[in-house]
Amino acid sequence: EVEKWKGKIDVMILCGGSATDLPEQTPKYAGIFNVVDSFD
């Protein structure tokens, strides 16, 4: 349901793992929201 929240969230904080989650999630959701991640 994430895309339904476009315009309702100012910053999405991405709390997935660096191995497999964030390499896909951060570019994807940066296309919808301002984002912050902890890619390490």
All heavy atoms as atom14 arrays in JSON, in Angstrom:
{
  "sequence": "EVEKWKGKIDVMILCGGSATDLPEQTPKYAGIFNVVDSFD",
  "atom14_mask": [
    [1, 1, 1, 1, 1, 1, 1, 1, 1, 0, 0, 0, 0, 0],
    [1, 1, 1, 1, 1, 1, 1, 0, 0, 0, 0, 0, 0, 0],
    [1, 1, 1, 1, 1, 1, 1, 1, 1, 0, 0, 0, 0, 0],
    [1, 1, 1, 1, 1, 1, 1, 1, 1, 0, 0, 0, 0, 0],
    [1, 1, 1, 1, 1, 1, 1, 1, 1, 1, 1, 1, 1, 1],
    [1, 1, 1, 1, 1, 1, 1, 1, 1, 0, 0, 0, 0, 0],
    [1, 1, 1, 1, 0, 0, 0, 0, 0, 0, 0, 0, 0, 0],
    [1, 1, 1, 1, 1, 1, 1, 1, 1, 0, 0, 0, 0, 0],
    [1, 1, 1, 1, 1, 1, 1, 1, 0, 0, 0, 0, 0, 0],
    [1, 1, 1, 1, 1, 1, 1, 1, 0, 0, 0, 0, 0, 0],
    [1, 1, 1, 1, 1, 1, 1, 0, 0, 0, 0, 0, 0, 0],
    [1, 1, 1, 1, 1, 1, 1, 1, 0, 0, 0, 0, 0, 0],
    [1, 1, 1, 1, 1, 1, 1, 1, 0, 0, 0, 0, 0, 0],
    [1, 1, 1, 1, 1, 1, 1, 1, 0, 0, 0, 0, 0, 0],
    [1, 1, 1, 1, 1, 1, 0, 0, 0, 0, 0, 0, 0, 0],
    [1, 1, 1, 1, 0, 0, 0, 0, 0, 0, 0, 0, 0, 0],
    [1, 1, 1, 1, 0, 0, 0, 0, 0, 0, 0, 0, 0, 0],
    [1, 1, 1, 1, 1, 1, 0, 0, 0, 0, 0, 0, 0, 0],
    [1, 1, 1, 1, 1, 0, 0, 0, 0, 0, 0, 0, 0, 0],
    [1, 1, 1, 1, 1, 1, 1, 0, 0, 0, 0, 0, 0, 0],
    [1, 1, 1, 1, 1, 1, 1, 1, 0, 0, 0, 0, 0, 0],
    [1, 1, 1, 1, 1, 1, 1, 1, 0, 0, 0, 0, 0, 0],
    [1, 1, 1, 1, 1, 1, 1, 0, 0, 0, 0, 0, 0, 0],
    [1, 1, 1, 1, 1, 1, 1, 1, 1, 0, 0, 0, 0, 0],
    [1, 1, 1, 1, 1, 1, 1, 1, 1, 0, 0, 0, 0, 0],
    [1, 1, 1, 1, 1, 1, 1, 0, 0, 0, 0, 0, 0, 0],
    [1, 1, 1, 1, 1, 1, 1, 0, 0, 0, 0, 0, 0, 0],
    [1, 1, 1, 1, 1, 1, 1, 1, 1, 0, 0, 0, 0, 0],
    [1, 1, 1, 1, 1, 1, 1, 1, 1, 1, 1, 1, 0, 0],
    [1, 1, 1, 1, 1, 0, 0, 0, 0, 0, 0, 0, 0, 0],
    [1, 1, 1, 1, 0, 0, 0, 0, 0, 0, 0, 0, 0, 0],
    [1, 1, 1, 1, 1, 1, 1, 1, 0, 0, 0, 0, 0, 0],
    [1, 1, 1, 1, 1, 1, 1, 1, 1, 1, 1, 0, 0, 0],
    [1, 1, 1, 1, 1, 1, 1, 1, 0, 0, 0, 0, 0, 0],
    [1, 1, 1, 1, 1, 1, 1, 0, 0, 0, 0, 0, 0, 0],
    [1, 1, 1, 1, 1, 1, 1, 0, 0, 0, 0, 0, 0, 0],
    [1, 1, 1, 1, 1, 1, 1, 1, 0, 0, 0, 0, 0, 0],
    [1, 1, 1, 1, 1, 1, 0, 0, 0, 0, 0, 0, 0, 0],
    [1, 1, 1, 1, 1, 1, 1, 1, 1, 1, 1, 0, 0, 0],
    [1, 1, 1, 1, 1, 1, 1, 1, 0, 0, 0, 0, 0, 0]
  ],
  "atom14_positions": [
    [[0.81, -1.22, 0.0], [0.0, 0.0, 0.0], [0.84, 1.28, 0.0], [0.3, 2.39, 0.06], [-0.91, 0.02, 1.23], [-1.89, -1.13, 1.31], [-2.73, -1.05, 2.57], [-3.48, -0.05, 2.71], [-2.63, -1.95, 3.41], [0.0, 0.0, 0.0], [0.0, 0.0, 0.0], [0.0, 0.0, 0.0], [0.0, 0.0, 0.0], [0.0, 0.0, 0.0]],
    [[2.18, 1.14, -0.09], [3.07, 2.3, 0.07], [2.71, 3.42, -0.9], [2.63, 4.6, -0.51], [4.54, 1.87, -0.13], [5.42, 3.09, -0.34], [5.05, 1.1, 1.08], [0.0, 0.0, 0.0], [0.0, 0.0, 0.0], [0.0, 0.0, 0.0], [0.0, 0.0, 0.0], [0.0, 0.0, 0.0], [0.0, 0.0, 0.0], [0.0, 0.0, 0.0]],
    [[2.5, 3.11, -2.15], [2.3, 4.16, -3.16], [1.06, 4.99, -2.91], [0.97, 6.14, -3.34], [2.27, 3.53, -4.56], [3.62, 2.92, -4.95], [3.68, 2.54, -6.42], [2.86, 3.09, -7.19], [4.53, 1.71, -6.76], [0.0, 0.0, 0.0], [0.0, 0.0, 0.0], [0.0, 0.0, 0.0], [0.0, 0.0, 0.0], [0.0, 0.0, 0.0]],
    [[0.09, 4.44, -2.17], [-1.12, 5.19, -1.83], [-0.83, 6.35, -0.88], [-1.65, 7.25, -0.71], [-2.16, 4.26, -1.19], [-2.65, 3.14, -2.1], [-3.62, 2.24, -1.36], [-4.07, 1.07, -2.23], [-4.99, 0.15, -1.48], [0.0, 0.0, 0.0], [0.0, 0.0, 0.0], [0.0, 0.0, 0.0], [0.0, 0.0, 0.0], [0.0, 0.0, 0.0]],
    [[0.35, 6.32, -0.24], [0.71, 7.33, 0.75], [1.54, 8.46, 0.15], [2.01, 9.34, 0.88], [1.44, 6.68, 1.91], [0.51, 5.92, 2.8], [-0.04, 4.69, 2.56], [-0.01, 6.36, 4.06], [-0.86, 4.32, 3.6], [-0.87, 5.33, 4.53], [0.15, 7.51, 4.83], [-1.55, 5.43, 5.75], [-0.52, 7.6, 6.04], [-1.37, 6.58, 6.49]],
    [[1.72, 8.47, -1.14], [2.44, 9.57, -1.78], [1.72, 10.88, -1.49], [0.51, 10.98, -1.66], [2.54, 9.34, -3.29], [3.35, 10.41, -4.01], [3.53, 10.07, -5.48], [4.4, 11.12, -6.17], [4.62, 10.8, -7.61], [0.0, 0.0, 0.0], [0.0, 0.0, 0.0], [0.0, 0.0, 0.0], [0.0, 0.0, 0.0], [0.0, 0.0, 0.0]],
    [[2.46, 11.88, -1.02], [1.87, 13.15, -0.64], [1.4, 13.21, 0.79], [1.08, 14.28, 1.31], [0.0, 0.0, 0.0], [0.0, 0.0, 0.0], [0.0, 0.0, 0.0], [0.0, 0.0, 0.0], [0.0, 0.0, 0.0], [0.0, 0.0, 0.0], [0.0, 0.0, 0.0], [0.0, 0.0, 0.0], [0.0, 0.0, 0.0], [0.0, 0.0, 0.0]],
    [[1.37, 12.05, 1.48], [0.92, 12.01, 2.88], [2.09, 11.79, 3.84], [1.91, 11.82, 5.05], [-0.11, 10.9, 3.08], [-1.35, 11.02, 2.21], [-2.25, 9.82, 2.42], [-3.45, 9.84, 1.47], [-4.29, 8.64, 1.64], [0.0, 0.0, 0.0], [0.0, 0.0, 0.0], [0.0, 0.0, 0.0], [0.0, 0.0, 0.0], [0.0, 0.0, 0.0]],
    [[3.27, 11.51, 3.29], [4.47, 11.28, 4.09], [5.57, 12.2, 3.57], [5.81, 12.26, 2.36], [4.89, 9.81, 4.02], [3.94, 8.95, 4.86], [6.33, 9.61, 4.48], [4.17, 7.47, 4.74], [0.0, 0.0, 0.0], [0.0, 0.0, 0.0], [0.0, 0.0, 0.0], [0.0, 0.0, 0.0], [0.0, 0.0, 0.0], [0.0, 0.0, 0.0]],
    [[6.22, 12.91, 4.47], [7.29, 13.83, 4.07], [8.63, 13.13, 3.92], [9.41, 13.45, 3.03], [7.42, 14.96, 5.1], [6.17, 15.82, 5.17], [5.7, 16.26, 4.1], [5.65, 16.03, 6.28], [0.0, 0.0, 0.0], [0.0, 0.0, 0.0], [0.0, 0.0, 0.0], [0.0, 0.0, 0.0], [0.0, 0.0, 0.0], [0.0, 0.0, 0.0]],
    [[8.92, 12.17, 4.81], [10.17, 11.41, 4.73], [9.87, 9.96, 5.11], [9.28, 9.7, 6.16], [11.27, 11.95, 5.68], [12.57, 11.19, 5.47], [11.48, 13.44, 5.47], [0.0, 0.0, 0.0], [0.0, 0.0, 0.0], [0.0, 0.0, 0.0], [0.0, 0.0, 0.0], [0.0, 0.0, 0.0], [0.0, 0.0, 0.0], [0.0, 0.0, 0.0]],
    [[10.3, 9.04, 4.25], [10.18, 7.62, 4.54], [11.53, 7.12, 5.05], [12.55, 7.24, 4.37], [9.78, 6.84, 3.28], [9.57, 5.34, 3.53], [8.06, 5.0, 4.45], [6.84, 5.17, 3.13], [0.0, 0.0, 0.0], [0.0, 0.0, 0.0], [0.0, 0.0, 0.0], [0.0, 0.0, 0.0], [0.0, 0.0, 0.0], [0.0, 0.0, 0.0]],
    [[11.54, 6.56, 6.27], [12.75, 6.01, 6.84], [12.77, 4.51, 6.58], [11.85, 3.79, 6.99], [12.84, 6.31, 8.35], [12.91, 7.83, 8.56], [14.06, 5.63, 8.96], [12.96, 8.27, 10.02], [0.0, 0.0, 0.0], [0.0, 0.0, 0.0], [0.0, 0.0, 0.0], [0.0, 0.0, 0.0], [0.0, 0.0, 0.0], [0.0, 0.0, 0.0]],
    [[13.8, 4.06, 5.86], [13.89, 2.67, 5.41], [14.71, 1.86, 6.4], [15.89, 2.14, 6.61], [14.51, 2.62, 4.01], [13.81, 3.5, 2.97], [14.57, 3.48, 1.65], [12.36, 3.07, 2.77], [0.0, 0.0, 0.0], [0.0, 0.0, 0.0], [0.0, 0.0, 0.0], [0.0, 0.0, 0.0], [0.0, 0.0, 0.0], [0.0, 0.0, 0.0]],
    [[14.1, 0.85, 6.99], [14.72, 0.11, 8.09], [15.04, -1.33, 7.71], [15.13, -2.21, 8.58], [13.81, 0.15, 9.32], [13.53, 1.82, 9.94], [0.0, 0.0, 0.0], [0.0, 0.0, 0.0], [0.0, 0.0, 0.0], [0.0, 0.0, 0.0], [0.0, 0.0, 0.0], [0.0, 0.0, 0.0], [0.0, 0.0, 0.0], [0.0, 0.0, 0.0]],
    [[15.24, -1.6, 6.43], [15.61, -2.93, 5.98], [17.1, -3.18, 6.12], [17.87, -2.31, 6.56], [0.0, 0.0, 0.0], [0.0, 0.0, 0.0], [0.0, 0.0, 0.0], [0.0, 0.0, 0.0], [0.0, 0.0, 0.0], [0.0, 0.0, 0.0], [0.0, 0.0, 0.0], [0.0, 0.0, 0.0], [0.0, 0.0, 0.0], [0.0, 0.0, 0.0]],
    [[17.51, -4.39, 5.73], [18.91, -4.78, 5.82], [19.71, -4.34, 4.61], [19.17, -4.14, 3.51], [0.0, 0.0, 0.0], [0.0, 0.0, 0.0], [0.0, 0.0, 0.0], [0.0, 0.0, 0.0], [0.0, 0.0, 0.0], [0.0, 0.0, 0.0], [0.0, 0.0, 0.0], [0.0, 0.0, 0.0], [0.0, 0.0, 0.0], [0.0, 0.0, 0.0]],
    [[21.03, -4.22, 4.8], [21.9, -3.73, 3.74], [22.21, -4.79, 2.69], [22.55, -4.46, 1.55], [23.22, -3.22, 4.33], [22.98, -2.11, 5.15], [0.0, 0.0, 0.0], [0.0, 0.0, 0.0], [0.0, 0.0, 0.0], [0.0, 0.0, 0.0], [0.0, 0.0, 0.0], [0.0, 0.0, 0.0], [0.0, 0.0, 0.0], [0.0, 0.0, 0.0]],
    [[22.1, -6.06, 3.06], [22.5, -7.12, 2.13], [21.59, -7.19, 0.91], [22.06, -7.17, -0.23], [22.53, -8.46, 2.86], [0.0, 0.0, 0.0], [0.0, 0.0, 0.0], [0.0, 0.0, 0.0], [0.0, 0.0, 0.0], [0.0, 0.0, 0.0], [0.0, 0.0, 0.0], [0.0, 0.0, 0.0], [0.0, 0.0, 0.0], [0.0, 0.0, 0.0]],
    [[20.28, -7.25, 1.15], [19.35, -7.44, 0.03], [18.23, -6.41, -0.02], [17.73, -6.1, -1.1], [18.72, -8.85, 0.09], [18.07, -9.02, 1.36], [19.79, -9.93, -0.07], [0.0, 0.0, 0.0], [0.0, 0.0, 0.0], [0.0, 0.0, 0.0], [0.0, 0.0, 0.0], [0.0, 0.0, 0.0], [0.0, 0.0, 0.0], [0.0, 0.0, 0.0]],
    [[17.82, -5.85, 1.12], [16.67, -4.94, 1.14], [16.99, -3.56, 0.56], [16.36, -3.12, -0.41], [16.15, -4.76, 2.58], [15.54, -6.02, 3.15], [15.06, -6.85, 2.36], [15.57, -6.18, 4.38], [0.0, 0.0, 0.0], [0.0, 0.0, 0.0], [0.0, 0.0, 0.0], [0.0, 0.0, 0.0], [0.0, 0.0, 0.0], [0.0, 0.0, 0.0]],
    [[17.94, -2.87, 1.16], [18.17, -1.46, 0.82], [18.66, -1.23, -0.6], [18.27, -0.22, -1.22], [19.11, -0.82, 1.84], [18.57, -0.78, 3.28], [19.6, -0.17, 4.22], [17.26, 0.0, 3.35], [0.0, 0.0, 0.0], [0.0, 0.0, 0.0], [0.0, 0.0, 0.0], [0.0, 0.0, 0.0], [0.0, 0.0, 0.0], [0.0, 0.0, 0.0]],
    [[19.52, -2.11, -1.17], [19.92, -1.86, -2.56], [18.74, -1.76, -3.52], [18.81, -1.06, -4.53], [20.8, -3.06, -2.89], [21.37, -3.48, -1.57], [20.24, -3.25, -0.59], [0.0, 0.0, 0.0], [0.0, 0.0, 0.0], [0.0, 0.0, 0.0], [0.0, 0.0, 0.0], [0.0, 0.0, 0.0], [0.0, 0.0, 0.0], [0.0, 0.0, 0.0]],
    [[17.64, -2.45, -3.21], [16.44, -2.38, -4.04], [15.47, -1.31, -3.53], [14.92, -0.53, -4.31], [15.73, -3.74, -4.07], [16.51, -4.83, -4.78], [15.71, -6.11, -4.9], [14.5, -6.1, -4.56], [16.29, -7.12, -5.33], [0.0, 0.0, 0.0], [0.0, 0.0, 0.0], [0.0, 0.0, 0.0], [0.0, 0.0, 0.0], [0.0, 0.0, 0.0]],
    [[15.28, -1.26, -2.22], [14.24, -0.4, -1.66], [14.56, 1.09, -1.77], [13.68, 1.89, -2.1], [14.02, -0.76, -0.18], [13.35, -2.1, 0.04], [13.23, -2.44, 1.52], [13.77, -1.74, 2.38], [12.52, -3.51, 1.81], [0.0, 0.0, 0.0], [0.0, 0.0, 0.0], [0.0, 0.0, 0.0], [0.0, 0.0, 0.0], [0.0, 0.0, 0.0]],
    [[15.81, 1.47, -1.48], [16.09, 2.91, -1.44], [15.9, 3.58, -2.79], [15.21, 4.61, -2.89], [17.49, 3.17, -0.86], [17.65, 2.43, 0.36], [17.69, 4.65, -0.56], [0.0, 0.0, 0.0], [0.0, 0.0, 0.0], [0.0, 0.0, 0.0], [0.0, 0.0, 0.0], [0.0, 0.0, 0.0], [0.0, 0.0, 0.0], [0.0, 0.0, 0.0]],
    [[16.47, 3.04, -3.89], [16.18, 3.67, -5.19], [14.69, 3.63, -5.53], [14.15, 4.61, -6.08], [17.0, 2.84, -6.18], [18.05, 2.16, -5.36], [17.42, 1.92, -4.03], [0.0, 0.0, 0.0], [0.0, 0.0, 0.0], [0.0, 0.0, 0.0], [0.0, 0.0, 0.0], [0.0, 0.0, 0.0], [0.0, 0.0, 0.0], [0.0, 0.0, 0.0]],
    [[14.03, 2.52, -5.22], [12.61, 2.38, -5.55], [11.77, 3.45, -4.85], [10.97, 4.16, -5.48], [12.11, 0.99, -5.15], [10.61, 0.78, -5.38], [10.19, -0.62, -4.97], [8.68, -0.82, -5.15], [8.27, -2.19, -4.76], [0.0, 0.0, 0.0], [0.0, 0.0, 0.0], [0.0, 0.0, 0.0], [0.0, 0.0, 0.0], [0.0, 0.0, 0.0]],
    [[11.96, 3.59, -3.54], [11.11, 4.51, -2.78], [11.57, 5.95, -2.88], [10.78, 6.87, -2.62], [10.97, 4.03, -1.34], [10.23, 2.71, -1.28], [10.87, 1.55, -0.87], [8.91, 2.62, -1.7], [10.21, 0.33, -0.85], [8.23, 1.42, -1.7], [8.88, 0.27, -1.28], [8.22, -0.93, -1.28], [0.0, 0.0, 0.0], [0.0, 0.0, 0.0]],
    [[12.81, 6.18, -3.3], [13.25, 7.54, -3.6], [12.51, 8.09, -4.82], [12.48, 9.29, -5.05], [14.76, 7.59, -3.85], [0.0, 0.0, 0.0], [0.0, 0.0, 0.0], [0.0, 0.0, 0.0], [0.0, 0.0, 0.0], [0.0, 0.0, 0.0], [0.0, 0.0, 0.0], [0.0, 0.0, 0.0], [0.0, 0.0, 0.0], [0.0, 0.0, 0.0]],
    [[11.91, 7.19, -5.59], [11.08, 7.6, -6.71], [9.7, 8.09, -6.29], [8.93, 8.59, -7.12], [0.0, 0.0, 0.0], [0.0, 0.0, 0.0], [0.0, 0.0, 0.0], [0.0, 0.0, 0.0], [0.0, 0.0, 0.0], [0.0, 0.0, 0.0], [0.0, 0.0, 0.0], [0.0, 0.0, 0.0], [0.0, 0.0, 0.0], [0.0, 0.0, 0.0]],
    [[9.39, 7.97, -4.98], [8.07, 8.37, -4.47], [8.18, 9.39, -3.34], [7.41, 10.35, -3.28], [7.3, 7.12, -3.96], [7.27, 6.02, -5.01], [5.88, 7.51, -3.54], [6.72, 4.7, -4.52], [0.0, 0.0, 0.0], [0.0, 0.0, 0.0], [0.0, 0.0, 0.0], [0.0, 0.0, 0.0], [0.0, 0.0, 0.0], [0.0, 0.0, 0.0]],
    [[9.14, 9.16, -2.43], [9.26, 9.97, -1.22], [10.69, 10.49, -1.06], [11.62, 9.97, -1.67], [8.96, 9.13, 0.03], [7.68, 8.36, 0.0], [7.67, 7.0, -0.31], [6.48, 8.98, 0.32], [6.49, 6.28, -0.32], [5.29, 8.25, 0.32], [5.29, 6.9, -0.01], [0.0, 0.0, 0.0], [0.0, 0.0, 0.0], [0.0, 0.0, 0.0]],
    [[10.87, 11.46, -0.17], [12.19, 11.71, 0.4], [12.5, 10.52, 1.31], [11.62, 10.05, 2.04], [12.19, 13.0, 1.23], [11.81, 14.21, 0.42], [12.34, 14.44, -0.67], [10.87, 15.0, 0.93], [0.0, 0.0, 0.0], [0.0, 0.0, 0.0], [0.0, 0.0, 0.0], [0.0, 0.0, 0.0], [0.0, 0.0, 0.0], [0.0, 0.0, 0.0]],
    [[13.74, 10.01, 1.26], [14.06, 8.79, 2.01], [15.37, 8.95, 2.76], [16.24, 9.75, 2.39], [14.16, 7.55, 1.08], [12.82, 7.24, 0.44], [15.25, 7.73, 0.03], [0.0, 0.0, 0.0], [0.0, 0.0, 0.0], [0.0, 0.0, 0.0], [0.0, 0.0, 0.0], [0.0, 0.0, 0.0], [0.0, 0.0, 0.0], [0.0, 0.0, 0.0]],
    [[15.51, 8.16, 3.83], [16.77, 8.03, 4.56], [16.98, 6.55, 4.83], [16.04, 5.84, 5.2], [16.76, 8.81, 5.9], [18.12, 8.73, 6.58], [16.35, 10.25, 5.7], [0.0, 0.0, 0.0], [0.0, 0.0, 0.0], [0.0, 0.0, 0.0], [0.0, 0.0, 0.0], [0.0, 0.0, 0.0], [0.0, 0.0, 0.0], [0.0, 0.0, 0.0]],
    [[18.24, 6.07, 4.66], [18.53, 4.68, 5.0], [19.81, 4.57, 5.8], [20.52, 5.56, 6.02], [18.55, 3.77, 3.75], [19.83, 3.85, 2.91], [20.86, 4.36, 3.4], [19.8, 3.4, 1.75], [0.0, 0.0, 0.0], [0.0, 0.0, 0.0], [0.0, 0.0, 0.0], [0.0, 0.0, 0.0], [0.0, 0.0, 0.0], [0.0, 0.0, 0.0]],
    [[20.11, 3.33, 6.25], [21.32, 3.07, 7.06], [22.22, 2.07, 6.35], [22.87, 1.25, 7.01], [20.93, 2.55, 8.44], [20.21, 1.33, 8.33], [0.0, 0.0, 0.0], [0.0, 0.0, 0.0], [0.0, 0.0, 0.0], [0.0, 0.0, 0.0], [0.0, 0.0, 0.0], [0.0, 0.0, 0.0], [0.0, 0.0, 0.0], [0.0, 0.0, 0.0]],
    [[22.28, 2.13, 5.03], [23.09, 1.19, 4.24], [24.52, 1.2, 4.75], [25.19, 2.24, 4.78], [23.04, 1.6, 2.77], [23.75, 0.65, 1.84], [23.16, -0.54, 1.49], [25.0, 0.95, 1.34], [23.8, -1.43, 0.63], [25.66, 0.07, 0.49], [25.05, -1.12, 0.13], [0.0, 0.0, 0.0], [0.0, 0.0, 0.0], [0.0, 0.0, 0.0]],
    [[25.04, 0.02, 5.15], [26.34, 0.0, 5.81], [27.35, -0.97, 5.18], [28.36, -1.31, 5.82], [26.2, -0.31, 7.3], [25.65, -1.71, 7.58], [25.35, -2.45, 6.61], [25.52, -2.06, 8.77], [0.0, 0.0, 0.0], [0.0, 0.0, 0.0], [0.0, 0.0, 0.0], [0.0, 0.0, 0.0], [0.0, 0.0, 0.0], [0.0, 0.0, 0.0]]
  ]
}
